[in-house]
């Protein structure tokens, strides 16, 4: 419930940047959205093009749910 809401928030952000989700269930959740065209299989492929707000939000969600490896590049 709570975690699934947070995970959906995270997935929405990643989907906006055309992230190709590794699991079929998550890919299916976005399949019918016209704007979702998966292109990237790694966060590092689009991290630099993300807005500062999206980077901050992903890092915040990572601290809460702990399933996302979103670290700022060195």
N, C-alpha and C. Protein backbone atom coordinates (compact mmCIF):
# COMPACT_ATOMS: atom_id res chain seq x y z
N UNK A 1 0.82 -1.21 0.00
CA UNK A 1 0.00 0.00 0.00
C UNK A 1 0.85 1.26 0.00
N UNK A 2 1.50 1.59 1.13
CA UNK A 2 2.33 2.80 1.20
C UNK A 2 3.52 2.68 0.27
N UNK A 3 4.23 1.53 0.36
CA UNK A 3 5.38 1.33 -0.52
C UNK A 3 4.99 1.31 -1.98
N UNK A 4 3.84 0.70 -2.30
CA UNK A 4 3.45 0.64 -3.70
C UNK A 4 3.16 2.04 -4.25
N UNK A 5 2.63 2.92 -3.43
CA UNK A 5 2.40 4.31 -3.86
C UNK A 5 3.73 5.00 -4.12
N UNK A 6 4.69 4.81 -3.23
CA UNK A 6 6.01 5.41 -3.41
C UNK A 6 6.71 4.84 -4.63
N UNK A 7 6.57 3.55 -4.84
CA UNK A 7 7.18 2.92 -6.01
C UNK A 7 6.54 3.44 -7.29
N UNK A 8 5.24 3.66 -7.28
CA UNK A 8 4.57 4.22 -8.45
C UNK A 8 5.06 5.64 -8.71
N UNK A 9 5.26 6.42 -7.67
CA UNK A 9 5.80 7.77 -7.83
C UNK A 9 7.17 7.71 -8.49
N UNK A 10 8.02 6.82 -7.99
CA UNK A 10 9.35 6.65 -8.56
C UNK A 10 9.26 6.22 -10.02
N UNK A 11 8.41 5.24 -10.30
CA UNK A 11 8.29 4.71 -11.66
C UNK A 11 7.77 5.77 -12.63
N UNK A 12 6.87 6.62 -12.18
CA UNK A 12 6.36 7.70 -13.03
C UNK A 12 7.50 8.63 -13.45
N UNK A 13 8.36 8.98 -12.52
CA UNK A 13 9.49 9.85 -12.84
C UNK A 13 10.40 9.17 -13.85
N UNK A 14 10.74 7.91 -13.59
CA UNK A 14 11.63 7.19 -14.50
C UNK A 14 11.01 7.00 -15.87
N UNK A 15 9.72 6.74 -15.91
CA UNK A 15 9.04 6.55 -17.20
C UNK A 15 9.08 7.82 -18.04
N UNK A 16 8.99 8.97 -17.38
CA UNK A 16 9.05 10.24 -18.11
C UNK A 16 10.38 10.40 -18.85
N UNK A 17 11.41 9.75 -18.34
CA UNK A 17 12.73 9.82 -18.97
C UNK A 17 12.99 8.58 -19.84
N UNK A 18 11.94 7.87 -20.16
CA UNK A 18 11.98 6.74 -21.09
C UNK A 18 12.80 5.55 -20.58
N UNK A 19 12.78 5.36 -19.26
CA UNK A 19 13.48 4.22 -18.67
C UNK A 19 12.74 2.93 -19.02
N UNK A 20 13.50 1.94 -19.45
CA UNK A 20 12.93 0.63 -19.76
C UNK A 20 13.01 -0.24 -18.51
N UNK A 21 11.88 -0.47 -17.89
CA UNK A 21 11.84 -1.21 -16.63
C UNK A 21 12.20 -2.68 -16.86
N UNK A 22 13.00 -3.25 -15.96
CA UNK A 22 13.44 -4.63 -16.14
C UNK A 22 12.34 -5.66 -15.91
N UNK A 23 11.32 -5.31 -15.13
CA UNK A 23 10.28 -6.31 -14.86
C UNK A 23 9.04 -6.06 -15.73
N UNK A 24 8.46 -7.14 -16.17
CA UNK A 24 7.33 -7.09 -17.10
C UNK A 24 6.12 -6.38 -16.50
N UNK A 25 5.87 -6.56 -15.23
CA UNK A 25 4.69 -5.95 -14.60
C UNK A 25 4.75 -4.43 -14.66
N UNK A 26 5.91 -3.87 -14.36
CA UNK A 26 6.05 -2.41 -14.40
C UNK A 26 5.97 -1.91 -15.84
N UNK A 27 6.60 -2.60 -16.76
CA UNK A 27 6.51 -2.21 -18.17
C UNK A 27 5.04 -2.20 -18.61
N UNK A 28 4.28 -3.18 -18.18
CA UNK A 28 2.87 -3.27 -18.55
C UNK A 28 2.07 -2.08 -18.01
N UNK A 29 2.44 -1.60 -16.83
CA UNK A 29 1.74 -0.45 -16.25
C UNK A 29 1.82 0.79 -17.13
N UNK A 30 2.89 0.92 -17.89
CA UNK A 30 3.10 2.11 -18.72
C UNK A 30 2.85 1.85 -20.21
N UNK A 31 2.58 0.66 -20.57
CA UNK A 31 2.46 0.26 -21.97
C UNK A 31 1.47 1.10 -22.77
N UNK A 32 0.36 1.46 -22.17
CA UNK A 32 -0.69 2.14 -22.92
C UNK A 32 -0.66 3.66 -22.79
N UNK A 33 0.41 4.18 -22.26
CA UNK A 33 0.54 5.63 -22.18
C UNK A 33 1.27 6.11 -23.43
N UNK A 34 0.64 6.98 -24.15
CA UNK A 34 1.18 7.43 -25.45
C UNK A 34 2.60 7.99 -25.35
N UNK A 35 2.90 8.65 -24.26
CA UNK A 35 4.18 9.33 -24.11
C UNK A 35 5.30 8.39 -23.69
N UNK A 36 4.99 7.16 -23.31
CA UNK A 36 6.03 6.25 -22.83
C UNK A 36 6.62 5.44 -23.97
N UNK A 37 7.87 5.74 -24.30
CA UNK A 37 8.61 5.02 -25.32
C UNK A 37 9.96 4.65 -24.70
N UNK A 38 10.07 3.43 -24.14
CA UNK A 38 11.30 3.08 -23.43
C UNK A 38 12.52 3.07 -24.34
N UNK A 39 13.59 3.71 -23.86
CA UNK A 39 14.83 3.80 -24.62
C UNK A 39 16.06 3.43 -23.82
N UNK A 40 16.02 3.63 -22.50
CA UNK A 40 17.22 3.50 -21.68
C UNK A 40 17.08 2.36 -20.67
N UNK A 41 18.13 1.59 -20.55
CA UNK A 41 18.10 0.48 -19.60
C UNK A 41 18.91 0.77 -18.34
N UNK A 42 19.62 1.90 -18.32
CA UNK A 42 20.41 2.29 -17.15
C UNK A 42 20.11 3.75 -16.79
N UNK A 43 20.03 4.02 -15.51
CA UNK A 43 19.79 5.38 -15.04
C UNK A 43 20.86 6.34 -15.55
N UNK A 44 22.08 5.86 -15.61
CA UNK A 44 23.18 6.74 -16.02
C UNK A 44 23.01 7.23 -17.46
N UNK A 45 22.21 6.53 -18.26
CA UNK A 45 21.98 6.94 -19.65
C UNK A 45 21.19 8.25 -19.75
N UNK A 46 20.40 8.57 -18.74
CA UNK A 46 19.59 9.78 -18.81
C UNK A 46 19.73 10.68 -17.59
N UNK A 47 20.54 10.28 -16.63
CA UNK A 47 20.67 11.03 -15.38
C UNK A 47 21.02 12.50 -15.63
N UNK A 48 21.96 12.76 -16.49
CA UNK A 48 22.40 14.13 -16.74
C UNK A 48 21.30 15.00 -17.36
N UNK A 49 20.34 14.40 -18.03
CA UNK A 49 19.27 15.17 -18.66
C UNK A 49 18.07 15.39 -17.73
N UNK A 50 18.12 14.80 -16.55
CA UNK A 50 17.02 14.95 -15.61
C UNK A 50 17.03 16.34 -14.98
N UNK A 51 15.85 16.82 -14.63
CA UNK A 51 15.78 18.10 -13.92
C UNK A 51 16.31 17.90 -12.50
N UNK A 52 16.75 18.98 -11.91
CA UNK A 52 17.25 18.91 -10.54
C UNK A 52 16.15 18.45 -9.57
N UNK A 53 14.94 18.86 -9.83
CA UNK A 53 13.82 18.44 -8.98
C UNK A 53 13.60 16.94 -9.07
N UNK A 54 13.63 16.39 -10.29
CA UNK A 54 13.45 14.94 -10.44
C UNK A 54 14.59 14.17 -9.80
N UNK A 55 15.81 14.67 -9.93
CA UNK A 55 16.95 14.01 -9.27
C UNK A 55 16.74 14.00 -7.76
N UNK A 56 16.35 15.14 -7.23
CA UNK A 56 16.11 15.26 -5.79
C UNK A 56 14.99 14.30 -5.35
N UNK A 57 13.90 14.28 -6.10
CA UNK A 57 12.77 13.42 -5.75
C UNK A 57 13.15 11.94 -5.80
N UNK A 58 13.92 11.54 -6.80
CA UNK A 58 14.36 10.14 -6.88
C UNK A 58 15.27 9.78 -5.70
N UNK A 59 16.15 10.68 -5.35
CA UNK A 59 17.03 10.41 -4.22
C UNK A 59 16.25 10.34 -2.91
N UNK A 60 15.24 11.19 -2.77
CA UNK A 60 14.38 11.15 -1.60
C UNK A 60 13.63 9.82 -1.53
N UNK A 61 13.05 9.41 -2.64
CA UNK A 61 12.33 8.13 -2.67
C UNK A 61 13.26 6.96 -2.41
N UNK A 62 14.49 7.04 -2.89
CA UNK A 62 15.49 5.99 -2.65
C UNK A 62 15.72 5.83 -1.15
N UNK A 63 15.80 6.93 -0.44
CA UNK A 63 16.04 6.85 1.01
C UNK A 63 14.85 6.20 1.71
N UNK A 64 13.66 6.37 1.18
CA UNK A 64 12.48 5.81 1.82
C UNK A 64 12.28 4.34 1.46
N UNK A 65 12.32 4.01 0.16
CA UNK A 65 12.02 2.63 -0.23
C UNK A 65 13.28 1.79 -0.44
N UNK A 66 14.41 2.42 -0.66
CA UNK A 66 15.68 1.71 -0.71
C UNK A 66 15.84 0.70 -1.83
N UNK A 67 15.14 0.89 -2.95
CA UNK A 67 15.26 -0.09 -4.03
C UNK A 67 15.83 0.50 -5.31
N UNK A 68 16.26 1.74 -5.23
CA UNK A 68 16.71 2.41 -6.43
C UNK A 68 18.14 2.88 -6.23
N UNK A 69 19.00 2.60 -7.18
CA UNK A 69 20.39 3.01 -7.07
C UNK A 69 20.58 4.29 -7.86
N UNK A 70 20.15 5.39 -7.28
CA UNK A 70 20.27 6.69 -7.94
C UNK A 70 21.26 7.51 -7.15
N UNK A 71 22.49 7.49 -7.58
CA UNK A 71 23.53 8.24 -6.91
C UNK A 71 24.10 9.24 -7.91
N UNK A 72 24.42 10.40 -7.42
CA UNK A 72 25.00 11.39 -8.31
C UNK A 72 26.35 10.90 -8.81
N UNK A 73 26.59 11.07 -10.10
CA UNK A 73 27.90 10.68 -10.66
C UNK A 73 29.01 11.49 -10.00
N UNK A 74 30.16 10.89 -9.85
CA UNK A 74 31.30 11.57 -9.24
C UNK A 74 31.94 12.52 -10.22
